[in-house]
Amino acid sequence: MKVEFWLDANLLGIREKKDMLLRRTGTLVKEYPHFYAIRTKTGYITCVNKHDLICGQAKLEVLK
């Protein structure tokens, strides 16, 4: 399933882009109890924490 997600740059440890949301796309690998595992176009697996989605530090949208 294709997904698009936004992460707060603070979560990634990027200090230069402190107040930015970074947008990425990828495919959902698996849903775990506390996070989603998403494989990006470069092949890396990124974990999006469900708590960050609730707090608003991250966003997740399913693409068709």
N, C-alpha and C. Protein backbone atom coordinates (compact mmCIF):
# COMPACT_ATOMS: atom_id res chain seq x y z
N MET A 1 0.84 -1.16 0.00
CA MET A 1 0.00 0.00 0.00
C MET A 1 0.90 1.24 0.00
N LYS A 2 0.65 2.14 -0.92
CA LYS A 2 1.44 3.37 -1.03
C LYS A 2 0.98 4.38 0.01
N VAL A 3 1.94 4.99 0.68
CA VAL A 3 1.63 6.00 1.69
C VAL A 3 2.54 7.21 1.49
N GLU A 4 2.06 8.34 1.97
CA GLU A 4 2.85 9.56 2.00
C GLU A 4 2.86 10.02 3.45
N PHE A 5 4.04 10.35 3.96
CA PHE A 5 4.12 10.74 5.36
C PHE A 5 4.98 11.97 5.52
N TRP A 6 4.67 12.75 6.55
CA TRP A 6 5.40 13.96 6.91
C TRP A 6 5.96 13.75 8.29
N LEU A 7 7.23 14.06 8.47
CA LEU A 7 7.87 13.96 9.78
C LEU A 7 8.44 15.31 10.17
N ASP A 8 8.33 15.64 11.43
CA ASP A 8 8.95 16.84 11.97
C ASP A 8 10.47 16.66 11.90
N ALA A 9 11.18 17.66 11.44
CA ALA A 9 12.63 17.56 11.30
C ALA A 9 13.32 17.35 12.64
N ASN A 10 12.70 17.78 13.73
CA ASN A 10 13.27 17.54 15.07
C ASN A 10 13.35 16.05 15.37
N LEU A 11 12.39 15.26 14.86
CA LEU A 11 12.39 13.82 15.12
C LEU A 11 13.54 13.13 14.40
N LEU A 12 13.99 13.72 13.29
CA LEU A 12 15.08 13.12 12.52
C LEU A 12 16.45 13.62 12.96
N GLY A 13 16.49 14.58 13.87
CA GLY A 13 17.76 15.11 14.35
C GLY A 13 18.39 16.12 13.42
N ILE A 14 17.60 16.75 12.55
CA ILE A 14 18.12 17.76 11.64
C ILE A 14 17.93 19.12 12.30
N ARG A 15 18.99 19.70 12.80
CA ARG A 15 18.88 20.95 13.55
C ARG A 15 18.76 22.17 12.64
N GLU A 16 19.29 22.09 11.42
CA GLU A 16 19.24 23.25 10.53
C GLU A 16 17.81 23.53 10.07
N LYS A 17 17.00 22.49 9.93
CA LYS A 17 15.63 22.64 9.45
C LYS A 17 14.66 22.35 10.58
N LYS A 18 14.85 23.03 11.69
CA LYS A 18 14.17 22.73 12.94
C LYS A 18 12.65 22.72 12.85
N ASP A 19 12.07 23.71 12.21
CA ASP A 19 10.62 23.85 12.22
C ASP A 19 9.99 23.42 10.90
N MET A 20 10.57 22.44 10.25
CA MET A 20 10.06 21.98 8.96
C MET A 20 9.43 20.60 9.08
N LEU A 21 8.46 20.34 8.23
CA LEU A 21 7.94 18.99 8.06
C LEU A 21 8.54 18.44 6.77
N LEU A 22 9.16 17.28 6.85
CA LEU A 22 9.77 16.66 5.69
C LEU A 22 8.81 15.63 5.11
N ARG A 23 8.54 15.74 3.81
CA ARG A 23 7.58 14.86 3.16
C ARG A 23 8.29 13.72 2.46
N ARG A 24 7.82 12.50 2.65
CA ARG A 24 8.38 11.32 2.01
C ARG A 24 7.24 10.43 1.53
N THR A 25 7.52 9.61 0.52
CA THR A 25 6.55 8.63 0.06
C THR A 25 7.20 7.25 0.10
N GLY A 26 6.37 6.24 0.20
CA GLY A 26 6.89 4.88 0.24
C GLY A 26 5.75 3.87 0.32
N THR A 27 6.11 2.64 0.63
CA THR A 27 5.12 1.58 0.75
C THR A 27 5.10 1.09 2.20
N LEU A 28 3.91 0.82 2.68
CA LEU A 28 3.74 0.33 4.04
C LEU A 28 4.18 -1.13 4.10
N VAL A 29 5.19 -1.41 4.91
CA VAL A 29 5.71 -2.77 5.05
C VAL A 29 4.87 -3.55 6.05
N LYS A 30 4.69 -2.98 7.24
CA LYS A 30 3.93 -3.67 8.28
C LYS A 30 3.49 -2.67 9.34
N GLU A 31 2.35 -2.95 9.94
CA GLU A 31 1.86 -2.14 11.05
C GLU A 31 2.13 -2.90 12.35
N TYR A 32 2.86 -2.28 13.23
CA TYR A 32 3.16 -2.84 14.54
C TYR A 32 2.29 -2.15 15.58
N PRO A 33 2.24 -2.66 16.82
CA PRO A 33 1.37 -2.03 17.84
C PRO A 33 1.67 -0.56 18.11
N HIS A 34 2.94 -0.13 17.99
CA HIS A 34 3.28 1.25 18.34
C HIS A 34 3.81 2.08 17.18
N PHE A 35 4.06 1.48 16.02
CA PHE A 35 4.59 2.25 14.89
C PHE A 35 4.27 1.56 13.57
N TYR A 36 4.46 2.33 12.48
CA TYR A 36 4.33 1.82 11.13
C TYR A 36 5.73 1.71 10.52
N ALA A 37 6.02 0.62 9.83
CA ALA A 37 7.28 0.46 9.11
C ALA A 37 7.01 0.75 7.64
N ILE A 38 7.72 1.75 7.10
CA ILE A 38 7.49 2.21 5.73
C ILE A 38 8.81 2.14 4.97
N ARG A 39 8.79 1.48 3.79
CA ARG A 39 9.98 1.42 2.94
C ARG A 39 9.92 2.57 1.94
N THR A 40 10.92 3.45 1.98
CA THR A 40 10.96 4.61 1.09
C THR A 40 11.49 4.20 -0.28
N LYS A 41 11.50 5.13 -1.21
CA LYS A 41 11.96 4.86 -2.57
C LYS A 41 13.43 4.47 -2.63
N THR A 42 14.21 4.94 -1.67
CA THR A 42 15.64 4.62 -1.65
C THR A 42 15.92 3.24 -1.07
N GLY A 43 14.90 2.58 -0.52
CA GLY A 43 15.07 1.24 0.03
C GLY A 43 15.21 1.19 1.53
N TYR A 44 15.34 2.34 2.16
CA TYR A 44 15.45 2.38 3.62
C TYR A 44 14.08 2.21 4.26
N ILE A 45 14.05 1.61 5.43
CA ILE A 45 12.81 1.47 6.18
C ILE A 45 12.77 2.54 7.26
N THR A 46 11.71 3.33 7.25
CA THR A 46 11.50 4.39 8.23
C THR A 46 10.35 3.98 9.13
N CYS A 47 10.51 4.20 10.41
CA CYS A 47 9.45 3.90 11.38
C CYS A 47 8.75 5.20 11.77
N VAL A 48 7.44 5.20 11.65
CA VAL A 48 6.64 6.35 12.05
C VAL A 48 5.87 5.94 13.31
N ASN A 49 6.18 6.58 14.40
CA ASN A 49 5.59 6.27 15.70
C ASN A 49 4.14 6.73 15.73
N LYS A 50 3.25 5.88 16.21
CA LYS A 50 1.83 6.25 16.29
C LYS A 50 1.59 7.39 17.29
N HIS A 51 2.41 7.48 18.32
CA HIS A 51 2.28 8.58 19.28
C HIS A 51 2.58 9.91 18.60
N ASP A 52 3.55 9.94 17.68
CA ASP A 52 3.85 11.17 16.95
C ASP A 52 2.70 11.57 16.04
N LEU A 53 1.97 10.60 15.52
CA LEU A 53 0.79 10.90 14.70
C LEU A 53 -0.31 11.54 15.55
N ILE A 54 -0.48 11.03 16.76
CA ILE A 54 -1.50 11.57 17.67
C ILE A 54 -1.14 12.98 18.12
N CYS A 55 0.15 13.22 18.41
CA CYS A 55 0.61 14.54 18.88
C CYS A 55 0.66 15.58 17.77
N GLY A 56 0.66 15.15 16.52
CA GLY A 56 0.74 16.09 15.42
C GLY A 56 2.14 16.34 14.92
N GLN A 57 3.14 15.62 15.43
CA GLN A 57 4.50 15.78 14.95
C GLN A 57 4.75 15.03 13.65
N ALA A 58 3.82 14.17 13.28
CA ALA A 58 3.92 13.43 12.03
C ALA A 58 2.51 13.27 11.45
N LYS A 59 2.45 13.09 10.14
CA LYS A 59 1.18 12.87 9.45
C LYS A 59 1.36 11.69 8.51
N LEU A 60 0.30 10.94 8.29
CA LEU A 60 0.35 9.77 7.41
C LEU A 60 -0.90 9.77 6.56
N GLU A 61 -0.73 9.60 5.25
CA GLU A 61 -1.85 9.61 4.33
C GLU A 61 -1.69 8.44 3.37
N VAL A 62 -2.76 7.69 3.15
CA VAL A 62 -2.74 6.55 2.23
C VAL A 62 -3.04 7.06 0.83
N LEU A 63 -2.18 6.69 -0.13
CA LEU A 63 -2.37 7.09 -1.53
C LEU A 63 -3.05 5.96 -2.28
N LYS A 64 -3.75 6.31 -3.34
CA LYS A 64 -4.41 5.28 -4.16
C LYS A 64 -3.49 4.76 -5.22
